PDB file of N, CA and C in Angstrom:
ATOM      1  N   MET A   1     -36.227  10.716  -1.589  1.00  0.00           N
ATOM      2  CA  MET A   1     -35.703   9.853  -2.652  1.00  0.00           C
ATOM      3  C   MET A   1     -34.424   9.185  -2.183  1.00  0.00           C
ATOM      4  N   VAL A   2     -34.317   7.902  -2.416  1.00  0.00           N
ATOM      5  CA  VAL A   2     -33.131   7.130  -2.068  1.00  0.00           C
ATOM      6  C   VAL A   2     -32.222   7.049  -3.276  1.00  0.00           C
ATOM      7  N   SER A   3     -30.955   7.248  -3.079  1.00  0.00           N
ATOM      8  CA  SER A   3     -30.010   7.105  -4.192  1.00  0.00           C
ATOM      9  C   SER A   3     -28.906   6.153  -3.780  1.00  0.00           C
ATOM     10  N   LEU A   4     -28.332   5.537  -4.781  1.00  0.00           N
ATOM     11  CA  LEU A   4     -27.245   4.624  -4.565  1.00  0.00           C
ATOM     12  C   LEU A   4     -26.084   5.047  -5.499  1.00  0.00           C
ATOM     13  N   THR A   5     -24.945   5.200  -4.948  1.00  0.00           N
ATOM     14  CA  THR A   5     -23.744   5.534  -5.737  1.00  0.00           C
ATOM     15  C   THR A   5     -22.725   4.436  -5.559  1.00  0.00           C
ATOM     16  N   LEU A   6     -22.285   3.861  -6.638  1.00  0.00           N
ATOM     17  CA  LEU A   6     -21.249   2.845  -6.609  1.00  0.00           C
ATOM     18  C   LEU A   6     -19.954   3.480  -7.067  1.00  0.00           C
ATOM     19  N   VAL A   7     -18.896   3.256  -6.319  1.00  0.00           N
ATOM     20  CA  VAL A   7     -17.598   3.822  -6.662  1.00  0.00           C
ATOM     21  C   VAL A   7     -16.639   2.663  -6.865  1.00  0.00           C
ATOM     22  N   GLY A   8     -16.032   2.579  -8.003  1.00  0.00           N
ATOM     23  CA  GLY A   8     -15.009   1.572  -8.267  1.00  0.00           C
ATOM     24  C   GLY A   8     -13.640   2.193  -8.125  1.00  0.00           C
ATOM     25  N   THR A   9     -12.689   1.398  -7.682  1.00  0.00           N
ATOM     26  CA  THR A   9     -11.320   1.902  -7.545  1.00  0.00           C
ATOM     27  C   THR A   9     -10.373   0.980  -8.278  1.00  0.00           C
ATOM     28  N   ILE A  10      -9.197   1.475  -8.544  1.00  0.00           N
ATOM     29  CA  ILE A  10      -8.139   0.672  -9.095  1.00  0.00           C
ATOM     30  C   ILE A  10      -7.146   0.387  -7.971  1.00  0.00           C
ATOM     31  N   HIS A  11      -7.073  -0.858  -7.570  1.00  0.00           N
ATOM     32  CA  HIS A  11      -6.225  -1.220  -6.431  1.00  0.00           C
ATOM     33  C   HIS A  11      -4.782  -0.764  -6.692  1.00  0.00           C
ATOM     34  N   ARG A  12      -4.166  -0.264  -5.658  1.00  0.00           N
ATOM     35  CA  ARG A  12      -2.783   0.203  -5.667  1.00  0.00           C
ATOM     36  C   ARG A  12      -2.553   1.406  -6.546  1.00  0.00           C
ATOM     37  N   ASP A  13      -3.622   2.151  -6.843  1.00  0.00           N
ATOM     38  CA  ASP A  13      -3.497   3.415  -7.598  1.00  0.00           C
ATOM     39  C   ASP A  13      -2.744   4.389  -6.701  1.00  0.00           C
ATOM     40  N   PRO A  14      -1.575   4.914  -7.116  1.00  0.00           N
ATOM     41  CA  PRO A  14      -0.841   5.841  -6.246  1.00  0.00           C
ATOM     42  C   PRO A  14      -1.591   7.121  -5.921  1.00  0.00           C
ATOM     43  N   ASN A  15      -2.568   7.479  -6.737  1.00  0.00           N
ATOM     44  CA  ASN A  15      -3.391   8.666  -6.466  1.00  0.00           C
ATOM     45  C   ASN A  15      -4.783   8.295  -5.983  1.00  0.00           C
ATOM     46  N   GLY A  16      -4.968   7.036  -5.631  1.00  0.00           N
ATOM     47  CA  GLY A  16      -6.307   6.587  -5.223  1.00  0.00           C
ATOM     48  C   GLY A  16      -6.853   7.214  -3.989  1.00  0.00           C
ATOM     49  N   LEU A  17      -6.021   7.412  -2.963  1.00  0.00           N
ATOM     50  CA  LEU A  17      -6.477   7.963  -1.698  1.00  0.00           C
ATOM     51  C   LEU A  17      -7.067   9.352  -1.863  1.00  0.00           C
ATOM     52  N   PRO A  18      -6.371  10.309  -2.446  1.00  0.00           N
ATOM     53  CA  PRO A  18      -6.997  11.631  -2.571  1.00  0.00           C
ATOM     54  C   PRO A  18      -8.223  11.631  -3.493  1.00  0.00           C
ATOM     55  N   ARG A  19      -8.185  10.802  -4.519  1.00  0.00           N
ATOM     56  CA  ARG A  19      -9.335  10.736  -5.437  1.00  0.00           C
ATOM     57  C   ARG A  19     -10.563  10.202  -4.709  1.00  0.00           C
ATOM     58  N   LEU A  20     -10.387   9.133  -3.943  1.00  0.00           N
ATOM     59  CA  LEU A  20     -11.513   8.547  -3.215  1.00  0.00           C
ATOM     60  C   LEU A  20     -12.009   9.483  -2.126  1.00  0.00           C
ATOM     61  N   LYS A  21     -11.098  10.115  -1.419  1.00  0.00           N
ATOM     62  CA  LYS A  21     -11.522  11.072  -0.377  1.00  0.00           C
ATOM     63  C   LYS A  21     -12.352  12.218  -0.997  1.00  0.00           C
ATOM     64  N   GLU A  22     -11.937  12.672  -2.158  1.00  0.00           N
ATOM     65  CA  GLU A  22     -12.686  13.757  -2.835  1.00  0.00           C
ATOM     66  C   GLU A  22     -14.109  13.298  -3.153  1.00  0.00           C
ATOM     67  N   ILE A  23     -14.226  12.096  -3.662  1.00  0.00           N
ATOM     68  CA  ILE A  23     -15.575  11.556  -3.979  1.00  0.00           C
ATOM     69  C   ILE A  23     -16.418  11.438  -2.728  1.00  0.00           C
ATOM     70  N   LEU A  24     -15.849  10.902  -1.654  1.00  0.00           N
ATOM     71  CA  LEU A  24     -16.579  10.716  -0.414  1.00  0.00           C
ATOM     72  C   LEU A  24     -17.025  12.052   0.190  1.00  0.00           C
ATOM     73  N   GLU A  25     -16.131  13.072   0.105  1.00  0.00           N
ATOM     74  CA  GLU A  25     -16.480  14.393   0.634  1.00  0.00           C
ATOM     75  C   GLU A  25     -17.608  15.015  -0.200  1.00  0.00           C
ATOM     76  N   ARG A  26     -17.546  14.799  -1.505  1.00  0.00           N
ATOM     77  CA  ARG A  26     -18.568  15.376  -2.388  1.00  0.00           C
ATOM     78  C   ARG A  26     -19.924  14.668  -2.206  1.00  0.00           C
ATOM     79  N   GLU A  27     -19.890  13.353  -2.085  1.00  0.00           N
ATOM     80  CA  GLU A  27     -21.156  12.591  -2.015  1.00  0.00           C
ATOM     81  C   GLU A  27     -21.750  12.521  -0.608  1.00  0.00           C
ATOM     82  N   CYS A  28     -20.928  12.666   0.439  1.00  0.00           N
ATOM     83  CA  CYS A  28     -21.360  12.588   1.839  1.00  0.00           C
ATOM     84  C   CYS A  28     -22.325  11.382   2.067  1.00  0.00           C
ATOM     85  N   PRO A  29     -21.827  10.191   1.840  1.00  0.00           N
ATOM     86  CA  PRO A  29     -22.715   9.028   1.983  1.00  0.00           C
ATOM     87  C   PRO A  29     -23.121   8.757   3.420  1.00  0.00           C
ATOM     88  N   ASP A  30     -24.334   8.247   3.597  1.00  0.00           N
ATOM     89  CA  ASP A  30     -24.794   7.841   4.938  1.00  0.00           C
ATOM     90  C   ASP A  30     -24.239   6.453   5.278  1.00  0.00           C
ATOM     91  N   ILE A  31     -24.053   5.631   4.258  1.00  0.00           N
ATOM     92  CA  ILE A  31     -23.576   4.260   4.475  1.00  0.00           C
ATOM     93  C   ILE A  31     -22.462   3.982   3.465  1.00  0.00           C
ATOM     94  N   ILE A  32     -21.418   3.375   3.927  1.00  0.00           N
ATOM     95  CA  ILE A  32     -20.321   2.944   3.056  1.00  0.00           C
ATOM     96  C   ILE A  32     -20.062   1.473   3.304  1.00  0.00           C
ATOM     97  N   THR A  33     -19.963   0.704   2.240  1.00  0.00           N
ATOM     98  CA  THR A  33     -19.555  -0.689   2.391  1.00  0.00           C
ATOM     99  C   THR A  33     -18.239  -0.853   1.672  1.00  0.00           C
ATOM    100  N   LEU A  34     -17.421  -1.719   2.238  1.00  0.00           N
ATOM    101  CA  LEU A  34     -16.091  -1.942   1.697  1.00  0.00           C
ATOM    102  C   LEU A  34     -15.753  -3.433   1.899  1.00  0.00           C
ATOM    103  N   GLU A  35     -15.291  -4.080   0.855  1.00  0.00           N
ATOM    104  CA  GLU A  35     -14.903  -5.451   0.963  1.00  0.00           C
ATOM    105  C   GLU A  35     -13.444  -5.539   1.392  1.00  0.00           C
ATOM    106  N   MET A  36     -13.256  -5.963   2.645  1.00  0.00           N
ATOM    107  CA  MET A  36     -11.888  -6.089   3.212  1.00  0.00           C
ATOM    108  C   MET A  36     -12.007  -7.081   4.347  1.00  0.00           C
ATOM    109  N   SER A  37     -11.192  -8.103   4.331  1.00  0.00           N
ATOM    110  CA  SER A  37     -11.294  -9.104   5.398  1.00  0.00           C
ATOM    111  C   SER A  37     -10.673  -8.599   6.703  1.00  0.00           C
ATOM    112  N   GLU A  38     -11.214  -9.043   7.791  1.00  0.00           N
ATOM    113  CA  GLU A  38     -10.632  -8.719   9.109  1.00  0.00           C
ATOM    114  C   GLU A  38      -9.217  -9.274   9.177  1.00  0.00           C
ATOM    115  N   TYR A  39      -9.004 -10.431   8.611  1.00  0.00           N
ATOM    116  CA  TYR A  39      -7.671 -11.016   8.612  1.00  0.00           C
ATOM    117  C   TYR A  39      -6.688 -10.093   7.905  1.00  0.00           C
ATOM    118  N   GLY A  40      -7.050  -9.568   6.736  1.00  0.00           N
ATOM    119  CA  GLY A  40      -6.176  -8.681   5.972  1.00  0.00           C
ATOM    120  C   GLY A  40      -5.810  -7.418   6.748  1.00  0.00           C
ATOM    121  N   VAL A  41      -6.820  -6.840   7.440  1.00  0.00           N
ATOM    122  CA  VAL A  41      -6.558  -5.653   8.259  1.00  0.00           C
ATOM    123  C   VAL A  41      -5.635  -5.999   9.378  1.00  0.00           C
ATOM    124  N   GLY A  42      -5.914  -7.073  10.110  1.00  0.00           N
ATOM    125  CA  GLY A  42      -5.131  -7.463  11.260  1.00  0.00           C
ATOM    126  C   GLY A  42      -3.706  -7.833  10.873  1.00  0.00           C
ATOM    127  N   PHE A  43      -3.534  -8.554   9.779  1.00  0.00           N
ATOM    128  CA  PHE A  43      -2.195  -8.933   9.331  1.00  0.00           C
ATOM    129  C   PHE A  43      -1.361  -7.732   9.056  1.00  0.00           C
ATOM    130  N   ARG A  44      -1.917  -6.786   8.326  1.00  0.00           N
ATOM    131  CA  ARG A  44      -1.135  -5.566   7.994  1.00  0.00           C
ATOM    132  C   ARG A  44      -0.839  -4.741   9.254  1.00  0.00           C
ATOM    133  N   GLU A  45      -1.794  -4.634  10.142  1.00  0.00           N
ATOM    134  CA  GLU A  45      -1.567  -3.864  11.377  1.00  0.00           C
ATOM    135  C   GLU A  45      -0.481  -4.507  12.253  1.00  0.00           C
ATOM    136  N   ARG A  46      -0.546  -5.851  12.348  1.00  0.00           N
ATOM    137  CA  ARG A  46       0.407  -6.567  13.203  1.00  0.00           C
ATOM    138  C   ARG A  46       1.791  -6.716  12.563  1.00  0.00           C
ATOM    139  N   ASN A  47       1.833  -6.977  11.271  1.00  0.00           N
ATOM    140  CA  ASN A  47       3.075  -7.359  10.616  1.00  0.00           C
ATOM    141  C   ASN A  47       3.667  -6.324   9.661  1.00  0.00           C
ATOM    142  N   GLY A  48       2.850  -5.371   9.218  1.00  0.00           N
ATOM    143  CA  GLY A  48       3.325  -4.415   8.225  1.00  0.00           C
ATOM    144  C   GLY A  48       4.572  -3.677   8.611  1.00  0.00           C
ATOM    145  N   PRO A  49       4.611  -3.043   9.783  1.00  0.00           N
ATOM    146  CA  PRO A  49       5.843  -2.298  10.174  1.00  0.00           C
ATOM    147  C   PRO A  49       7.085  -3.175  10.211  1.00  0.00           C
ATOM    148  N   ARG A  50       6.957  -4.372  10.774  1.00  0.00           N
ATOM    149  CA  ARG A  50       8.123  -5.278  10.865  1.00  0.00           C
ATOM    150  C   ARG A  50       8.575  -5.727   9.489  1.00  0.00           C
ATOM    151  N   LEU A  51       7.653  -6.056   8.608  1.00  0.00           N
ATOM    152  CA  LEU A  51       8.004  -6.517   7.262  1.00  0.00           C
ATOM    153  C   LEU A  51       8.589  -5.376   6.438  1.00  0.00           C
ATOM    154  N   LYS A  52       8.079  -4.174   6.618  1.00  0.00           N
ATOM    155  CA  LYS A  52       8.651  -3.013   5.884  1.00  0.00           C
ATOM    156  C   LYS A  52      10.085  -2.779   6.328  1.00  0.00           C
ATOM    157  N   GLU A  53      10.335  -2.860   7.632  1.00  0.00           N
ATOM    158  CA  GLU A  53      11.691  -2.658   8.142  1.00  0.00           C
ATOM    159  C   GLU A  53      12.624  -3.747   7.626  1.00  0.00           C
ATOM    160  N   LYS A  54      12.136  -4.958   7.539  1.00  0.00           N
ATOM    161  CA  LYS A  54      12.927  -6.060   6.984  1.00  0.00           C
ATOM    162  C   LYS A  54      13.293  -5.782   5.522  1.00  0.00           C
ATOM    163  N   LEU A  55      12.310  -5.316   4.743  1.00  0.00           N
ATOM    164  CA  LEU A  55      12.570  -4.985   3.346  1.00  0.00           C
ATOM    165  C   LEU A  55      13.607  -3.833   3.226  1.00  0.00           C
ATOM    166  N   PHE A  56      13.465  -2.805   4.069  1.00  0.00           N
ATOM    167  CA  PHE A  56      14.419  -1.724   4.034  1.00  0.00           C
ATOM    168  C   PHE A  56      15.818  -2.209   4.434  1.00  0.00           C
ATOM    169  N   GLY A  57      15.915  -3.140   5.381  1.00  0.00           N
ATOM    170  CA  GLY A  57      17.189  -3.719   5.765  1.00  0.00           C
ATOM    171  C   GLY A  57      17.836  -4.439   4.585  1.00  0.00           C
ATOM    172  N   ILE A  58      17.058  -5.192   3.861  1.00  0.00           N
ATOM    173  CA  ILE A  58      17.562  -5.927   2.702  1.00  0.00           C
ATOM    174  C   ILE A  58      18.078  -4.912   1.648  1.00  0.00           C
ATOM    175  N   LEU A  59      17.304  -3.865   1.428  1.00  0.00           N
ATOM    176  CA  LEU A  59      17.719  -2.867   0.453  1.00  0.00           C
ATOM    177  C   LEU A  59      19.005  -2.139   0.884  1.00  0.00           C
ATOM    178  N   ARG A  60      19.094  -1.806   2.181  1.00  0.00           N
ATOM    179  CA  ARG A  60      20.302  -1.196   2.698  1.00  0.00           C
ATOM    180  C   ARG A  60      21.521  -2.113   2.506  1.00  0.00           C
ATOM    181  N   ALA A  61      21.311  -3.410   2.810  1.00  0.00           N
ATOM    182  CA  ALA A  61      22.412  -4.365   2.658  1.00  0.00           C
ATOM    183  C   ALA A  61      22.834  -4.492   1.191  1.00  0.00           C
ATOM    184  N   LEU A  62      21.896  -4.512   0.283  1.00  0.00           N
ATOM    185  CA  LEU A  62      22.234  -4.545  -1.148  1.00  0.00           C
ATOM    186  C   LEU A  62      22.977  -3.306  -1.577  1.00  0.00           C
ATOM    187  N   HIS A  63      22.543  -2.182  -1.052  1.00  0.00           N
ATOM    188  CA  HIS A  63      23.163  -0.899  -1.425  1.00  0.00           C
ATOM    189  C   HIS A  63      24.627  -0.841  -0.927  1.00  0.00           C
ATOM    190  N   LYS A  64      24.873  -1.373   0.263  1.00  0.00           N
ATOM    191  CA  LYS A  64      26.205  -1.337   0.833  1.00  0.00           C
ATOM    192  C   LYS A  64      27.072  -2.497   0.335  1.00  0.00           C
ATOM    193  N   GLY A  65      26.463  -3.451  -0.372  1.00  0.00           N
ATOM    194  CA  GLY A  65      27.238  -4.598  -0.830  1.00  0.00           C
ATOM    195  C   GLY A  65      27.577  -5.562   0.272  1.00  0.00           C
ATOM    196  N   SER A  66      26.647  -5.762   1.156  1.00  0.00           N
ATOM    197  CA  SER A  66      26.868  -6.651   2.321  1.00  0.00           C
ATOM    198  C   SER A  66      27.264  -8.031   1.892  1.00  0.00           C
ATOM    199  N   THR A  67      28.162  -8.625   2.657  1.00  0.00           N
ATOM    200  CA  THR A  67      28.542 -10.024   2.389  1.00  0.00           C
ATOM    201  C   THR A  67      27.609 -10.970   3.124  1.00  0.00           C
ATOM    202  N   GLN A  68      26.717 -10.443   3.935  1.00  0.00           N
ATOM    203  CA  GLN A  68      25.734 -11.246   4.619  1.00  0.00           C
ATOM    204  C   GLN A  68      24.485 -11.328   3.741  1.00  0.00           C
ATOM    205  N   ARG A  69      23.535 -12.156   4.146  1.00  0.00           N
ATOM    206  CA  ARG A  69      22.290 -12.249   3.386  1.00  0.00           C
ATOM    207  C   ARG A  69      21.621 -10.900   3.303  1.00  0.00           C
ATOM    208  N   PRO A  70      21.027 -10.468   2.251  1.00  0.00           N
ATOM    209  CA  PRO A  70      21.055 -11.121   0.932  1.00  0.00           C
ATOM    210  C   PRO A  70      22.416 -10.948   0.255  1.00  0.00           C
ATOM    211  N   ARG A  71      22.790 -11.873  -0.550  1.00  0.00           N
ATOM    212  CA  ARG A  71      24.077 -11.809  -1.225  1.00  0.00           C
ATOM    213  C   ARG A  71      23.948 -10.873  -2.426  1.00  0.00           C
ATOM    214  N   GLY A  72      25.033 -10.207  -2.714  1.00  0.00           N
ATOM    215  CA  GLY A  72      25.056  -9.371  -3.900  1.00  0.00           C
ATOM    216  C   GLY A  72      25.227  -7.914  -3.523  1.00  0.00           C
ATOM    217  N   LYS A  73      25.308  -7.112  -4.533  1.00  0.00           N
ATOM    218  CA  LYS A  73      25.485  -5.680  -4.383  1.00  0.00           C
ATOM    219  C   LYS A  73      24.796  -5.007  -5.550  1.00  0.00           C
ATOM    220  N   LEU A  74      24.271  -3.843  -5.298  1.00  0.00           N
ATOM    221  CA  LEU A  74      23.718  -3.056  -6.368  1.00  0.00           C
ATOM    222  C   LEU A  74      24.872  -2.281  -7.031  1.00  0.00           C
ATOM    223  N   ASP A  75      25.227  -2.640  -8.237  1.00  0.00           N
ATOM    224  CA  ASP A  75      26.317  -1.957  -8.940  1.00  0.00           C
ATOM    225  C   ASP A  75      25.870  -0.642  -9.511  1.00  0.00           C
ATOM    226  N   LYS A  76      24.599  -0.510  -9.714  1.00  0.00           N
ATOM    227  CA  LYS A  76      24.043   0.732 -10.271  1.00  0.00           C
ATOM    228  C   LYS A  76      22.670   0.965  -9.635  1.00  0.00           C
ATOM    229  N   PRO A  77      22.143   2.155  -9.711  1.00  0.00           N
ATOM    230  CA  PRO A  77      20.813   2.407  -9.139  1.00  0.00           C
ATOM    231  C   PRO A  77      19.770   1.496  -9.798  1.00  0.00           C
ATOM    232  N   PRO A  78      18.783   1.093  -9.023  1.00  0.00           N
ATOM    233  CA  PRO A  78      17.759   0.211  -9.583  1.00  0.00           C
ATOM    234  C   PRO A  78      17.002   0.922 -10.714  1.00  0.00           C
ATOM    235  N   ASP A  79      16.598   0.142 -11.695  1.00  0.00           N
ATOM    236  CA  ASP A  79      15.806   0.726 -12.799  1.00  0.00           C
ATOM    237  C   ASP A  79      14.376   0.922 -12.382  1.00  0.00           C
ATOM    238  N   SER A  80      13.606   1.526 -13.265  1.00  0.00           N
ATOM    239  CA  SER A  80      12.249   1.883 -12.894  1.00  0.00           C
ATOM    240  C   SER A  80      11.361   0.666 -12.576  1.00  0.00           C
ATOM    241  N   SER A  81      11.625  -0.474 -13.238  1.00  0.00           N
ATOM    242  CA  SER A  81      10.807  -1.645 -12.944  1.00  0.00           C
ATOM    243  C   SER A  81      11.106  -2.197 -11.552  1.00  0.00           C
ATOM    244  N   ALA A  82      12.373  -2.105 -11.113  1.00  0.00           N
ATOM    245  CA  ALA A  82      12.708  -2.549  -9.753  1.00  0.00           C
ATOM    246  C   ALA A  82      12.120  -1.612  -8.727  1.00  0.00           C
ATOM    247  N   ILE A  83      12.134  -0.353  -9.013  1.00  0.00           N
ATOM    248  CA  ILE A  83      11.538   0.631  -8.095  1.00  0.00           C
ATOM    249  C   ILE A  83      10.020   0.400  -7.984  1.00  0.00           C
ATOM    250  N   GLU A  84       9.374   0.155  -9.075  1.00  0.00           N
ATOM    251  CA  GLU A  84       7.945  -0.147  -9.067  1.00  0.00           C
ATOM    252  C   GLU A  84       7.631  -1.412  -8.295  1.00  0.00           C
ATOM    253  N   ALA A  85       8.525  -2.412  -8.426  1.00  0.00           N
ATOM    254  CA  ALA A  85       8.299  -3.688  -7.705  1.00  0.00           C
ATOM    255  C   ALA A  85       8.435  -3.429  -6.188  1.00  0.00           C
ATOM    256  N   ILE A  86       9.394  -2.657  -5.805  1.00  0.00           N
ATOM    257  CA  ILE A  86       9.578  -2.337  -4.374  1.00  0.00           C
ATOM    258  C   ILE A  86       8.371  -1.550  -3.874  1.00  0.00           C
ATOM    259  N   ARG A  87       7.913  -0.587  -4.666  1.00  0.00           N
ATOM    260  CA  ARG A  87       6.724   0.223  -4.301  1.00  0.00           C
ATOM    261  C   ARG A  87       5.502  -0.687  -4.158  1.00  0.00           C
ATOM    262  N   ALA A  88       5.347  -1.662  -5.041  1.00  0.00           N
ATOM    263  CA  ALA A  88       4.203  -2.571  -4.964  1.00  0.00           C
ATOM    264  C   ALA A  88       4.233  -3.405  -3.689  1.00  0.00           C
ATOM    265  N   ILE A  89       5.435  -3.838  -3.304  1.00  0.00           N
ATOM    266  CA  ILE A  89       5.579  -4.606  -2.045  1.00  0.00           C
ATOM    267  C   ILE A  89       5.166  -3.741  -0.870  1.00  0.00           C
ATOM    268  N   LEU A  90       5.669  -2.505  -0.837  1.00  0.00           N
ATOM    269  CA  LEU A  90       5.364  -1.604   0.266  1.00  0.00           C
ATOM    270  C   LEU A  90       3.856  -1.334   0.334  1.00  0.00           C
ATOM    271  N   MET A  91       3.242  -1.113  -0.811  1.00  0.00           N
ATOM    272  CA  MET A  91       1.800  -0.846  -0.828  1.00  0.00           C
ATOM    273  C   MET A  91       1.012  -2.077  -0.351  1.00  0.00           C
ATOM    274  N   THR A  92       1.509  -3.258  -0.626  1.00  0.00           N
ATOM    275  CA  THR A  92       0.832  -4.470  -0.161  1.00  0.00           C
ATOM    276  C   THR A  92       0.896  -4.569   1.373  1.00  0.00           C
ATOM    277  N   LEU A  93       1.936  -4.048   1.978  1.00  0.00           N
ATOM    278  CA  LEU A  93       2.074  -4.110   3.409  1.00  0.00           C
ATOM    279  C   LEU A  93       1.292  -3.024   4.154  1.00  0.00           C
ATOM    280  N   GLU A  94       0.843  -2.013   3.413  1.00  0.00           N
ATOM    281  CA  GLU A  94      -0.001  -0.944   3.986  1.00  0.00           C
ATOM    282  C   GLU A  94      -1.460  -1.352   3.970  1.00  0.00           C
ATOM    283  N   LEU A  95      -2.235  -0.745   4.812  1.00  0.00           N
ATOM    284  CA  LEU A  95      -3.701  -0.912   4.654  1.00  0.00           C
ATOM    285  C   LEU A  95      -4.085  -0.269   3.332  1.00  0.00           C
ATOM    286  N   PRO A  96      -4.951  -0.914   2.574  1.00  0.00           N
ATOM    287  CA  PRO A  96      -5.343  -0.352   1.283  1.00  0.00           C
ATOM    288  C   PRO A  96      -5.924   1.054   1.439  1.00  0.00           C
ATOM    289  N   PHE A  97      -5.685   1.890   0.437  1.00  0.00           N
ATOM    290  CA  PHE A  97      -6.172   3.268   0.507  1.00  0.00           C
ATOM    291  C   PHE A  97      -7.666   3.320   0.643  1.00  0.00           C
ATOM    292  N   GLU A  98      -8.371   2.361   0.068  1.00  0.00           N
ATOM    293  CA  GLU A  98      -9.840   2.337   0.206  1.00  0.00           C
ATOM    294  C   GLU A  98     -10.243   2.231   1.665  1.00  0.00           C
ATOM    295  N   PHE A  99      -9.537   1.407   2.419  1.00  0.00           N
ATOM    296  CA  PHE A  99      -9.815   1.239   3.872  1.00  0.00           C
ATOM    297  C   PHE A  99      -9.469   2.523   4.591  1.00  0.00           C
ATOM    298  N   ARG A 100      -8.315   3.103   4.288  1.00  0.00           N
ATOM    299  CA  ARG A 100      -7.903   4.331   4.981  1.00  0.00           C
ATOM    300  C   ARG A 100      -8.811   5.505   4.656  1.00  0.00           C
ATOM    301  N   ALA A 101      -9.336   5.573   3.429  1.00  0.00           N
ATOM    302  CA  ALA A 101     -10.226   6.650   3.041  1.00  0.00           C
ATOM    303  C   ALA A 101     -11.551   6.588   3.783  1.00  0.00           C
ATOM    304  N   VAL A 102     -12.110   5.437   3.922  1.00  0.00           N
ATOM    305  CA  VAL A 102     -13.425   5.332   4.564  1.00  0.00           C
ATOM    306  C   VAL A 102     -13.318   5.351   6.091  1.00  0.00           C
ATOM    307  N   LYS A 103     -12.114   5.050   6.611  1.00  0.00           N
ATOM    308  CA  LYS A 103     -11.920   5.077   8.056  1.00  0.00           C
ATOM    309  C   LYS A 103     -11.880   6.502   8.616  1.00  0.00           C
ATOM    310  N   THR A 104     -11.454   7.468   7.819  1.00  0.00           N
ATOM    311  CA  THR A 104     -11.329   8.844   8.274  1.00  0.00           C
ATOM    312  C   THR A 104     -12.650   9.586   8.208  1.00  0.00           C
TER     313      THR A 104
END
């Protein structure tokens, strides 16, 4: 008997990787398909580390109140919406968890 299991994910789910790995381990699929462009994979592999370091540099400069770019200083710790925005940027620079789950 042939069976087909479709698994949907919520992109950028912070718990998506362990959840998807659990499903894949339970189902033991013979074939997995994943929609991900080669360009997207290559861009993240080539540029992700550099862009993440650039973001961290900007955050360090803001924290220290640098007079160089970016201008400004963090007078107080960032609020939860700023932290979520930073987390979203970092997740965008990583290979999606769906790709990492099926690659292992």
